[in-house]
Amino acid sequence: MYTVLLVDDEKRMLDLLELYLSPKGYRCVKCGSGPAAVEYLENRNADLVLLDIMMPEIDGWETCKRIREFSDVPIIMVTARDQTPDIVKGLKIGADDYITKPFDEAELLARVEAVLRRSSGKRPNMEFRGLVWDEEEHSVHYQNTPILLTPKEFAILGLFLKHPNRVFSREQIIVSLWGYNANTEGRTIDSHIKNIREKLRQAGFPADRYLLTVWGVGYKWEDLG
């Protein structure tokens, strides 16, 4: 499930975007201002940002600039402005695409899908409250402290970070990482989870708050937003 951060000072627009996106399987997080969006991204992960330009406090352009100082999350500017200089300005400061109000559901979904498709191959990092999972370097850090995980522990943690709030049974984790014909037992998953928690704790990350056991089912990574 992709997480989309919606940024607009108008509640009606936030609700409309959510109305279009949620039924298609997107998890929507709403922010009513640029600073709130920046703060969210500094501490949590999102797969895409839909960012309005005309906002009080700081506008969408400045918000985009601040996000680009620390994140390469894809950004689509949502604006009533359709003049070429405004579009060019947004693209130059780091936006990946734009959509002009008023827009219809089909256009919005097409642009979201296109940007996510283009970005899927170039974003190997996942970040969650200071915990960074880097697929390309096969490393995990918490506030610059390295966390040494085995390959399977690394893969399990990545699975959870990519699918927050989704409950995985032991069998689903085994199939995802070992394949359908694996002889791995559920107790092996329990052992991996125990080791991941302990290593995260040792680095100072509050693992017990986020890597949860769902009794009788399996495990999940909880992100309440």
Protein backbone atom coordinates (compact mmCIF):
# COMPACT_ATOMS: atom_id res chain seq x y z
CA MET A 1 0.00 0.00 0.00
CA TYR A 2 1.38 3.39 -1.01
CA THR A 3 1.23 6.26 1.48
CA VAL A 4 0.29 9.61 -0.09
CA LEU A 5 0.79 12.82 1.89
CA LEU A 6 -1.92 15.36 1.00
CA VAL A 7 -0.96 18.98 1.69
CA ASP A 8 -3.57 21.73 1.34
CA ASP A 9 -4.98 24.41 3.61
CA GLU A 10 -8.52 23.70 2.37
CA LYS A 11 -10.20 20.80 4.12
CA ARG A 12 -12.59 20.28 1.22
CA MET A 13 -9.70 19.71 -1.17
CA LEU A 14 -8.04 17.28 1.25
CA ASP A 15 -11.31 15.37 1.54
CA LEU A 16 -11.76 15.32 -2.25
CA LEU A 17 -8.26 13.97 -2.84
CA GLU A 18 -8.81 11.30 -0.23
CA LEU A 19 -12.16 10.43 -1.80
CA TYR A 20 -10.42 9.80 -5.13
CA LEU A 21 -7.39 7.96 -3.80
CA SER A 22 -8.53 5.83 -0.86
CA PRO A 23 -10.82 3.50 -2.86
CA LYS A 24 -7.86 2.72 -5.13
CA GLY A 25 -5.84 1.39 -2.20
CA TYR A 26 -3.79 4.47 -1.32
CA ARG A 27 -3.25 5.34 2.34
CA CYS A 28 -3.86 9.07 2.68
CA VAL A 29 -2.31 11.30 5.34
CA LYS A 30 -3.62 14.89 5.51
CA CYS A 31 -1.59 17.99 6.38
CA GLY A 32 -3.12 21.45 6.48
CA SER A 33 0.08 23.45 6.03
CA GLY A 34 3.57 23.37 4.59
CA PRO A 35 5.36 23.25 7.97
CA ALA A 36 3.18 20.34 9.06
CA ALA A 37 4.11 18.45 5.88
CA VAL A 38 7.83 19.09 6.40
CA GLU A 39 7.62 17.92 10.01
CA TYR A 40 5.76 14.77 8.97
CA LEU A 41 8.36 13.84 6.36
CA GLU A 42 11.22 14.49 8.75
CA ASN A 43 9.86 11.75 11.01
CA ARG A 44 7.84 9.41 8.82
CA ASN A 45 7.80 7.85 5.39
CA ALA A 46 5.57 8.68 2.42
CA ASP A 47 5.66 7.39 -1.14
CA LEU A 48 4.25 10.53 -2.76
CA VAL A 49 3.31 14.11 -1.85
CA LEU A 50 0.38 15.98 -3.42
CA LEU A 51 1.29 19.58 -2.62
CA ASP A 52 -0.91 22.64 -3.08
CA ILE A 53 0.89 25.86 -4.07
CA MET A 54 -1.33 28.62 -2.74
CA MET A 55 -1.16 28.21 1.04
CA PRO A 56 -0.67 30.69 3.88
CA GLU A 57 2.37 30.60 6.19
CA ILE A 58 4.64 29.07 3.55
CA ASP A 59 3.50 28.33 0.01
CA GLY A 60 3.95 25.12 -1.91
CA TRP A 61 7.10 26.25 -3.66
CA GLU A 62 8.88 26.98 -0.38
CA THR A 63 7.53 23.75 1.10
CA CYS A 64 8.91 21.82 -1.87
CA LYS A 65 12.32 23.46 -1.41
CA ARG A 66 12.41 22.51 2.28
CA ILE A 67 11.40 18.91 1.55
CA ARG A 68 14.11 18.62 -1.09
CA GLU A 69 16.74 19.56 1.50
CA PHE A 70 16.39 16.13 3.09
CA SER A 71 14.11 13.92 0.98
CA ASP A 72 13.70 12.76 -2.61
CA VAL A 73 10.06 11.73 -2.12
CA PRO A 74 8.11 12.28 -5.38
CA ILE A 75 6.09 15.52 -5.35
CA ILE A 76 3.14 16.48 -7.52
CA MET A 77 2.19 20.15 -7.29
CA VAL A 78 -1.57 20.72 -7.14
CA THR A 79 -2.46 24.24 -8.23
CA ALA A 80 -5.03 26.54 -9.74
CA ARG A 81 -2.20 28.20 -11.64
CA ASP A 82 -1.77 26.91 -15.18
CA GLN A 83 0.63 29.47 -16.57
CA THR A 84 3.84 28.06 -18.01
CA PRO A 85 6.23 30.09 -15.76
CA ASP A 86 4.53 28.69 -12.64
CA ILE A 87 4.79 25.14 -13.95
CA VAL A 88 8.45 25.58 -14.88
CA LYS A 89 9.21 27.07 -11.46
CA GLY A 90 7.72 24.07 -9.70
CA LEU A 91 9.68 21.60 -11.81
CA LYS A 92 12.93 23.52 -11.35
CA ILE A 93 12.72 23.45 -7.55
CA GLY A 94 12.24 19.70 -7.46
CA ALA A 95 8.63 18.80 -8.20
CA ASP A 96 8.14 15.67 -10.31
CA ASP A 97 4.86 16.67 -11.93
CA TYR A 98 1.92 19.03 -11.58
CA ILE A 99 -1.84 18.91 -11.90
CA THR A 100 -4.06 21.94 -12.42
CA LYS A 101 -7.36 22.56 -10.63
CA PRO A 102 -10.04 21.70 -11.48
CA PHE A 103 -9.08 18.14 -12.33
CA ASP A 104 -11.05 14.94 -12.62
CA GLU A 105 -10.48 11.65 -10.85
CA ALA A 106 -9.06 9.85 -13.88
CA GLU A 107 -6.40 12.49 -14.51
CA LEU A 108 -5.35 12.57 -10.86
CA LEU A 109 -5.01 8.80 -10.65
CA ALA A 110 -3.11 8.62 -13.94
CA ARG A 111 -0.56 11.21 -12.80
CA VAL A 112 -0.14 9.57 -9.39
CA GLU A 113 0.39 6.16 -10.96
CA ALA A 114 2.86 7.54 -13.52
CA VAL A 115 5.00 9.33 -10.92
CA LEU A 116 5.05 6.32 -8.62
CA ARG A 117 5.98 4.09 -11.54
CA ARG A 118 8.88 6.35 -12.54
CA SER A 119 10.14 6.69 -8.97
CA SER A 120 9.83 3.06 -7.92
CA GLY A 121 13.22 2.13 -9.32
CA LYS A 122 15.17 5.01 -7.80
CA ARG A 123 14.05 5.12 -4.17
CA PRO A 124 15.88 2.34 -2.31
CA ASN A 125 15.58 4.07 1.07
CA MET A 126 12.85 3.86 3.67
CA GLU A 127 12.84 6.22 6.64
CA PHE A 128 10.73 6.01 9.78
CA ARG A 129 11.23 8.32 12.76
CA GLY A 130 14.99 8.43 12.33
CA LEU A 131 15.31 4.76 11.34
CA VAL A 132 16.76 4.49 7.82
CA TRP A 133 16.58 1.26 5.81
CA ASP A 134 18.80 1.48 2.73
CA GLU A 135 18.18 -1.28 0.21
CA GLU A 136 20.97 -0.23 -2.13
CA GLU A 137 23.67 -0.25 0.55
CA HIS A 138 21.96 -3.06 2.47
CA SER A 139 22.28 -1.09 5.71
CA VAL A 140 20.13 0.12 8.59
CA HIS A 141 20.85 3.17 10.76
CA TYR A 142 19.05 4.87 13.61
CA GLN A 143 20.10 8.49 14.12
CA ASN A 144 23.42 7.65 12.43
CA THR A 145 23.98 4.58 14.61
CA PRO A 146 24.51 1.49 12.41
CA ILE A 147 22.37 -1.57 13.14
CA LEU A 148 23.88 -4.84 11.94
CA LEU A 149 21.17 -7.20 10.65
CA THR A 150 21.47 -10.53 8.90
CA PRO A 151 20.17 -10.65 5.30
CA LYS A 152 16.87 -12.21 6.38
CA GLU A 153 16.42 -9.77 9.28
CA PHE A 154 17.10 -6.92 6.85
CA ALA A 155 14.52 -8.26 4.40
CA ILE A 156 11.87 -8.74 7.09
CA LEU A 157 12.35 -5.20 8.40
CA GLY A 158 12.08 -3.85 4.86
CA LEU A 159 8.87 -5.79 4.30
CA PHE A 160 7.30 -4.18 7.36
CA LEU A 161 8.50 -0.66 6.56
CA LYS A 162 7.12 -0.90 3.02
CA HIS A 163 3.71 -2.02 4.31
CA PRO A 164 2.96 -0.16 7.57
CA ASN A 165 -0.06 -1.31 9.58
CA ARG A 166 -0.46 -4.47 7.51
CA VAL A 167 -0.54 -7.68 9.53
CA PHE A 168 1.67 -10.45 8.14
CA SER A 169 1.25 -14.04 9.22
CA ARG A 170 4.36 -16.14 9.66
CA GLU A 171 3.44 -18.03 6.52
CA GLN A 172 3.12 -14.81 4.50
CA ILE A 173 6.55 -13.66 5.64
CA ILE A 174 8.06 -17.02 4.73
CA VAL A 175 6.48 -16.99 1.25
CA SER A 176 7.55 -13.37 0.66
CA LEU A 177 11.20 -14.03 1.55
CA TRP A 178 11.84 -17.74 0.96
CA GLY A 179 9.21 -18.68 -1.64
CA TYR A 180 6.32 -21.13 -1.70
CA ASN A 181 8.43 -24.25 -1.52
CA ALA A 182 10.48 -23.23 1.52
CA ASN A 183 10.86 -25.63 4.44
CA THR A 184 11.23 -22.75 6.90
CA GLU A 185 9.07 -23.00 10.04
CA GLY A 186 7.13 -20.29 11.82
CA ARG A 187 9.47 -20.50 14.80
CA THR A 188 12.26 -19.24 12.55
CA ILE A 189 10.27 -16.07 11.91
CA ASP A 190 9.70 -15.65 15.66
CA SER A 191 13.45 -15.89 16.20
CA HIS A 192 14.16 -13.31 13.49
CA ILE A 193 11.59 -10.90 14.93
CA LYS A 194 13.09 -11.29 18.40
CA ASN A 195 16.56 -10.52 17.04
CA ILE A 196 15.35 -7.49 15.07
CA ARG A 197 13.66 -6.04 18.14
CA GLU A 198 16.72 -6.54 20.29
CA LYS A 199 19.08 -4.96 17.77
CA LEU A 200 16.77 -1.98 17.30
CA ARG A 201 16.52 -1.52 21.07
CA GLN A 202 20.28 -1.62 21.46
CA ALA A 203 20.56 1.24 18.96
CA GLY A 204 18.04 3.27 20.95
CA PHE A 205 15.04 2.76 18.67
CA PRO A 206 11.78 1.98 20.56
CA ALA A 207 11.09 -1.27 18.70
CA ASP A 208 8.37 -2.46 21.07
CA ARG A 209 6.25 0.55 20.15
CA TYR A 210 6.22 -0.21 16.44
CA LEU A 211 7.11 -3.85 15.72
CA LEU A 212 4.07 -5.49 17.26
CA THR A 213 2.90 -9.04 17.77
CA VAL A 214 -0.70 -9.63 16.69
CA TRP A 215 -1.56 -12.61 18.84
CA GLY A 216 -2.87 -15.60 16.94
CA VAL A 217 -2.08 -13.98 13.59
CA GLY A 218 1.48 -12.71 13.15
CA TYR A 219 3.29 -9.38 13.21
CA LYS A 220 2.92 -5.83 11.96
CA TRP A 221 4.75 -2.51 11.88
CA GLU A 222 2.42 0.09 13.37
CA ASP A 223 2.41 3.64 12.04
CA LEU A 224 -0.44 5.71 13.48
CA GLY A 225 0.65 8.81 11.55
